[in-house]
Structure formats: structure tokens, C-alpha cells
Amino acid sequence: MAAKDMRNIENKRDILSIELKAGNISCRDISWIQTNRRTSEEKIIDPFRGG
């Protein structure tokens, strides 16, 4: 995951961070799954940790 796919919106007290993905993101049990739109390949991701 590159830093360029993150967007931050800040005000005096809050920060909203949105990650842009080119595929489907879902949660199954306790795992986050990213599904590639073109190949339907799935991989487990951790949206709370970079890299």
C-alpha cells in the first residue's frame, strides 16, 4: 500500500483518513479481504497497518 492512495481531511480536533482502493473490500469473520475487479483474486489485507 503506497502513501499516495491515502487522503486526509483535517480540522482543529479531528482527522478523517480515507484509503482509495480499486476493487472490493469486505470483512469475513475477523479478516479484511480485497478482491481484484479484473481477476477476482482475493487477498487478506490489514487496513490499519501500512505496507
PDB file of N, CA and C in Angstrom:
ATOM      1  N   MET A   1       0.846  -1.168   0.000  1.00  0.00           N
ATOM      2  CA  MET A   1       0.000   0.000   0.000  1.00  0.00           C
ATOM      3  C   MET A   1       0.893   1.232   0.000  1.00  0.00           C
ATOM      4  N   ALA A   2       0.719   2.063  -0.961  1.00  0.00           N
ATOM      5  CA  ALA A   2       1.524   3.276  -1.071  1.00  0.00           C
ATOM      6  C   ALA A   2       0.829   4.436  -0.379  1.00  0.00           C
ATOM      7  N   ALA A   3       1.631   5.385   0.074  1.00  0.00           N
ATOM      8  CA  ALA A   3       1.072   6.560   0.749  1.00  0.00           C
ATOM      9  C   ALA A   3       0.242   7.416  -0.201  1.00  0.00           C
ATOM     10  N   LYS A   4       0.484   7.306  -1.487  1.00  0.00           N
ATOM     11  CA  LYS A   4      -0.249   8.135  -2.443  1.00  0.00           C
ATOM     12  C   LYS A   4      -1.721   7.765  -2.547  1.00  0.00           C
ATOM     13  N   ASP A   5      -2.128   6.591  -2.051  1.00  0.00           N
ATOM     14  CA  ASP A   5      -3.541   6.243  -2.122  1.00  0.00           C
ATOM     15  C   ASP A   5      -4.296   6.586  -0.839  1.00  0.00           C
ATOM     16  N   MET A   6      -3.723   7.464  -0.026  1.00  0.00           N
ATOM     17  CA  MET A   6      -4.378   7.930   1.197  1.00  0.00           C
ATOM     18  C   MET A   6      -4.787   9.388   1.037  1.00  0.00           C
ATOM     19  N   ARG A   7      -5.923   9.747   1.598  1.00  0.00           N
ATOM     20  CA  ARG A   7      -6.394  11.128   1.601  1.00  0.00           C
ATOM     21  C   ARG A   7      -6.736  11.503   3.038  1.00  0.00           C
ATOM     22  N   ASN A   8      -6.272  12.653   3.489  1.00  0.00           N
ATOM     23  CA  ASN A   8      -6.555  13.112   4.847  1.00  0.00           C
ATOM     24  C   ASN A   8      -7.340  14.413   4.806  1.00  0.00           C
ATOM     25  N   ILE A   9      -8.333  14.498   5.672  1.00  0.00           N
ATOM     26  CA  ILE A   9      -9.114  15.720   5.848  1.00  0.00           C
ATOM     27  C   ILE A   9      -8.979  16.085   7.327  1.00  0.00           C
ATOM     28  N   GLU A  10      -8.477  17.281   7.602  1.00  0.00           N
ATOM     29  CA  GLU A  10      -8.213  17.674   8.978  1.00  0.00           C
ATOM     30  C   GLU A  10      -8.948  18.955   9.338  1.00  0.00           C
ATOM     31  N   ASN A  11      -9.341  19.051  10.599  1.00  0.00           N
ATOM     32  CA  ASN A  11      -9.767  20.319  11.164  1.00  0.00           C
ATOM     33  C   ASN A  11      -9.032  20.472  12.498  1.00  0.00           C
ATOM     34  N   LYS A  12      -9.458  21.329  13.373  1.00  0.00           N
ATOM     35  CA  LYS A  12      -8.691  21.605  14.593  1.00  0.00           C
ATOM     36  C   LYS A  12      -8.600  20.412  15.542  1.00  0.00           C
ATOM     37  N   ARG A  13      -9.593  19.528  15.539  1.00  0.00           N
ATOM     38  CA  ARG A  13      -9.577  18.419  16.501  1.00  0.00           C
ATOM     39  C   ARG A  13      -9.613  17.036  15.875  1.00  0.00           C
ATOM     40  N   ASP A  14     -10.071  16.909  14.657  1.00  0.00           N
ATOM     41  CA  ASP A  14     -10.312  15.592  14.064  1.00  0.00           C
ATOM     42  C   ASP A  14      -9.535  15.394  12.785  1.00  0.00           C
ATOM     43  N   ILE A  15      -9.240  14.128  12.500  1.00  0.00           N
ATOM     44  CA  ILE A  15      -8.622  13.748  11.228  1.00  0.00           C
ATOM     45  C   ILE A  15      -9.450  12.596  10.651  1.00  0.00           C
ATOM     46  N   LEU A  16      -9.850  12.732   9.412  1.00  0.00           N
ATOM     47  CA  LEU A  16     -10.527  11.667   8.696  1.00  0.00           C
ATOM     48  C   LEU A  16      -9.581  11.186   7.614  1.00  0.00           C
ATOM     49  N   SER A  17      -9.269   9.900   7.621  1.00  0.00           N
ATOM     50  CA  SER A  17      -8.362   9.344   6.626  1.00  0.00           C
ATOM     51  C   SER A  17      -9.137   8.320   5.797  1.00  0.00           C
ATOM     52  N   ILE A  18      -9.094   8.478   4.489  1.00  0.00           N
ATOM     53  CA  ILE A  18      -9.807   7.589   3.575  1.00  0.00           C
ATOM     54  C   ILE A  18      -8.804   6.959   2.626  1.00  0.00           C
ATOM     55  N   GLU A  19      -8.832   5.646   2.536  1.00  0.00           N
ATOM     56  CA  GLU A  19      -7.957   4.951   1.600  1.00  0.00           C
ATOM     57  C   GLU A  19      -8.764   4.592   0.360  1.00  0.00           C
ATOM     58  N   LEU A  20      -8.225   4.904  -0.803  1.00  0.00           N
ATOM     59  CA  LEU A  20      -8.897   4.631  -2.063  1.00  0.00           C
ATOM     60  C   LEU A  20      -8.390   3.310  -2.630  1.00  0.00           C
ATOM     61  N   LYS A  21      -9.300   2.411  -2.950  1.00  0.00           N
ATOM     62  CA  LYS A  21      -8.935   1.103  -3.496  1.00  0.00           C
ATOM     63  C   LYS A  21      -9.651   0.885  -4.815  1.00  0.00           C
ATOM     64  N   ALA A  22      -9.019   0.151  -5.698  1.00  0.00           N
ATOM     65  CA  ALA A  22      -9.622  -0.156  -6.998  1.00  0.00           C
ATOM     66  C   ALA A  22     -10.120  -1.594  -6.994  1.00  0.00           C
ATOM     67  N   GLY A  23     -11.014  -1.904  -6.122  1.00  0.00           N
ATOM     68  CA  GLY A  23     -11.558  -3.248  -6.022  1.00  0.00           C
ATOM     69  C   GLY A  23     -12.555  -3.296  -4.884  1.00  0.00           C
ATOM     70  N   ASN A  24     -13.025  -4.467  -4.567  1.00  0.00           N
ATOM     71  CA  ASN A  24     -13.978  -4.629  -3.480  1.00  0.00           C
ATOM     72  C   ASN A  24     -13.251  -4.936  -2.184  1.00  0.00           C
ATOM     73  N   ILE A  25     -13.727  -4.357  -1.099  1.00  0.00           N
ATOM     74  CA  ILE A  25     -13.204  -4.633   0.229  1.00  0.00           C
ATOM     75  C   ILE A  25     -14.353  -5.210   1.049  1.00  0.00           C
ATOM     76  N   SER A  26     -14.091  -6.321   1.715  1.00  0.00           N
ATOM     77  CA  SER A  26     -15.119  -6.933   2.552  1.00  0.00           C
ATOM     78  C   SER A  26     -14.471  -7.465   3.825  1.00  0.00           C
ATOM     79  N   CYS A  27     -15.309  -7.773   4.784  1.00  0.00           N
ATOM     80  CA  CYS A  27     -14.829  -8.339   6.042  1.00  0.00           C
ATOM     81  C   CYS A  27     -15.504  -9.686   6.247  1.00  0.00           C
ATOM     82  N   ARG A  28     -14.697 -10.728   6.403  1.00  0.00           N
ATOM     83  CA  ARG A  28     -15.204 -12.072   6.679  1.00  0.00           C
ATOM     84  C   ARG A  28     -14.608 -12.537   7.994  1.00  0.00           C
ATOM     85  N   ASP A  29     -15.455 -12.898   8.913  1.00  0.00           N
ATOM     86  CA  ASP A  29     -15.032 -13.265  10.264  1.00  0.00           C
ATOM     87  C   ASP A  29     -14.233 -12.097  10.833  1.00  0.00           C
ATOM     88  N   ILE A  30     -12.938 -12.238  11.030  1.00  0.00           N
ATOM     89  CA  ILE A  30     -12.127 -11.131  11.548  1.00  0.00           C
ATOM     90  C   ILE A  30     -11.096 -10.661  10.516  1.00  0.00           C
ATOM     91  N   SER A  31     -11.220 -11.118   9.264  1.00  0.00           N
ATOM     92  CA  SER A  31     -10.249 -10.768   8.221  1.00  0.00           C
ATOM     93  C   SER A  31     -10.846  -9.803   7.211  1.00  0.00           C
ATOM     94  N   TRP A  32     -10.037  -8.823   6.782  1.00  0.00           N
ATOM     95  CA  TRP A  32     -10.417  -7.914   5.700  1.00  0.00           C
ATOM     96  C   TRP A  32      -9.894  -8.500   4.400  1.00  0.00           C
ATOM     97  N   ILE A  33     -10.761  -8.583   3.388  1.00  0.00           N
ATOM     98  CA  ILE A  33     -10.427  -9.201   2.105  1.00  0.00           C
ATOM     99  C   ILE A  33     -10.538  -8.157   0.997  1.00  0.00           C
ATOM    100  N   GLN A  34      -9.499  -8.060   0.158  1.00  0.00           N
ATOM    101  CA  GLN A  34      -9.536  -7.209  -1.029  1.00  0.00           C
ATOM    102  C   GLN A  34      -9.675  -8.117  -2.243  1.00  0.00           C
ATOM    103  N   THR A  35     -10.674  -7.838  -3.078  1.00  0.00           N
ATOM    104  CA  THR A  35     -10.919  -8.637  -4.277  1.00  0.00           C
ATOM    105  C   THR A  35     -10.600  -7.802  -5.512  1.00  0.00           C
ATOM    106  N   ASN A  36      -9.712  -8.315  -6.353  1.00  0.00           N
ATOM    107  CA  ASN A  36      -9.332  -7.649  -7.603  1.00  0.00           C
ATOM    108  C   ASN A  36     -10.516  -7.669  -8.558  1.00  0.00           C
ATOM    109  N   ARG A  37     -10.881  -6.501  -9.094  1.00  0.00           N
ATOM    110  CA  ARG A  37     -12.032  -6.408 -10.010  1.00  0.00           C
ATOM    111  C   ARG A  37     -11.828  -7.185 -11.294  1.00  0.00           C
ATOM    112  N   ARG A  38     -10.616  -7.219 -11.797  1.00  0.00           N
ATOM    113  CA  ARG A  38     -10.357  -7.856 -13.100  1.00  0.00           C
ATOM    114  C   ARG A  38     -10.184  -9.364 -13.000  1.00  0.00           C
ATOM    115  N   THR A  39      -9.453  -9.828 -11.977  1.00  0.00           N
ATOM    116  CA  THR A  39      -9.106 -11.248 -11.891  1.00  0.00           C
ATOM    117  C   THR A  39      -9.907 -12.019 -10.849  1.00  0.00           C
ATOM    118  N   SER A  40     -10.638 -11.317  -9.999  1.00  0.00           N
ATOM    119  CA  SER A  40     -11.381 -11.909  -8.873  1.00  0.00           C
ATOM    120  C   SER A  40     -10.457 -12.542  -7.830  1.00  0.00           C
ATOM    121  N   GLU A  41      -9.150 -12.272  -7.938  1.00  0.00           N
ATOM    122  CA  GLU A  41      -8.201 -12.772  -6.954  1.00  0.00           C
ATOM    123  C   GLU A  41      -8.443 -12.067  -5.615  1.00  0.00           C
ATOM    124  N   GLU A  42      -8.409 -12.834  -4.523  1.00  0.00           N
ATOM    125  CA  GLU A  42      -8.624 -12.281  -3.190  1.00  0.00           C
ATOM    126  C   GLU A  42      -7.338 -12.331  -2.393  1.00  0.00           C
ATOM    127  N   LYS A  43      -7.128 -11.293  -1.562  1.00  0.00           N
ATOM    128  CA  LYS A  43      -6.011 -11.330  -0.632  1.00  0.00           C
ATOM    129  C   LYS A  43      -6.434 -10.684   0.683  1.00  0.00           C
ATOM    130  N   ILE A  44      -5.871 -11.189   1.757  1.00  0.00           N
ATOM    131  CA  ILE A  44      -6.160 -10.649   3.083  1.00  0.00           C
ATOM    132  C   ILE A  44      -5.316  -9.397   3.282  1.00  0.00           C
ATOM    133  N   ILE A  45      -5.950  -8.330   3.753  1.00  0.00           N
ATOM    134  CA  ILE A  45      -5.246  -7.065   3.988  1.00  0.00           C
ATOM    135  C   ILE A  45      -5.485  -6.614   5.426  1.00  0.00           C
ATOM    136  N   ASP A  46      -4.636  -5.681   5.874  1.00  0.00           N
ATOM    137  CA  ASP A  46      -4.817  -5.050   7.173  1.00  0.00           C
ATOM    138  C   ASP A  46      -4.937  -3.556   6.937  1.00  0.00           C
ATOM    139  N   PRO A  47      -6.159  -3.015   6.929  1.00  0.00           N
ATOM    140  CA  PRO A  47      -6.334  -1.595   6.613  1.00  0.00           C
ATOM    141  C   PRO A  47      -5.814  -0.646   7.692  1.00  0.00           C
ATOM    142  N   PHE A  48      -5.448  -1.179   8.826  1.00  0.00           N
ATOM    143  CA  PHE A  48      -4.984  -0.341   9.929  1.00  0.00           C
ATOM    144  C   PHE A  48      -3.470  -0.292  10.028  1.00  0.00           C
ATOM    145  N   ARG A  49      -2.795  -1.022   9.148  1.00  0.00           N
ATOM    146  CA  ARG A  49      -1.330  -1.047   9.121  1.00  0.00           C
ATOM    147  C   ARG A  49      -0.862  -0.776   7.713  1.00  0.00           C
ATOM    148  N   GLY A  50       0.079   0.094   7.537  1.00  0.00           N
ATOM    149  CA  GLY A  50       0.592   0.387   6.199  1.00  0.00           C
ATOM    150  C   GLY A  50       1.545  -0.688   5.722  1.00  0.00           C
ATOM    151  N   GLY A  51       1.592  -0.862   4.393  1.00  0.00           N
ATOM    152  CA  GLY A  51       2.547  -1.792   3.810  1.00  0.00           C
ATOM    153  C   GLY A  51       2.087  -3.145   3.768  1.00  0.00           C
TER     154      GLY A  51
END
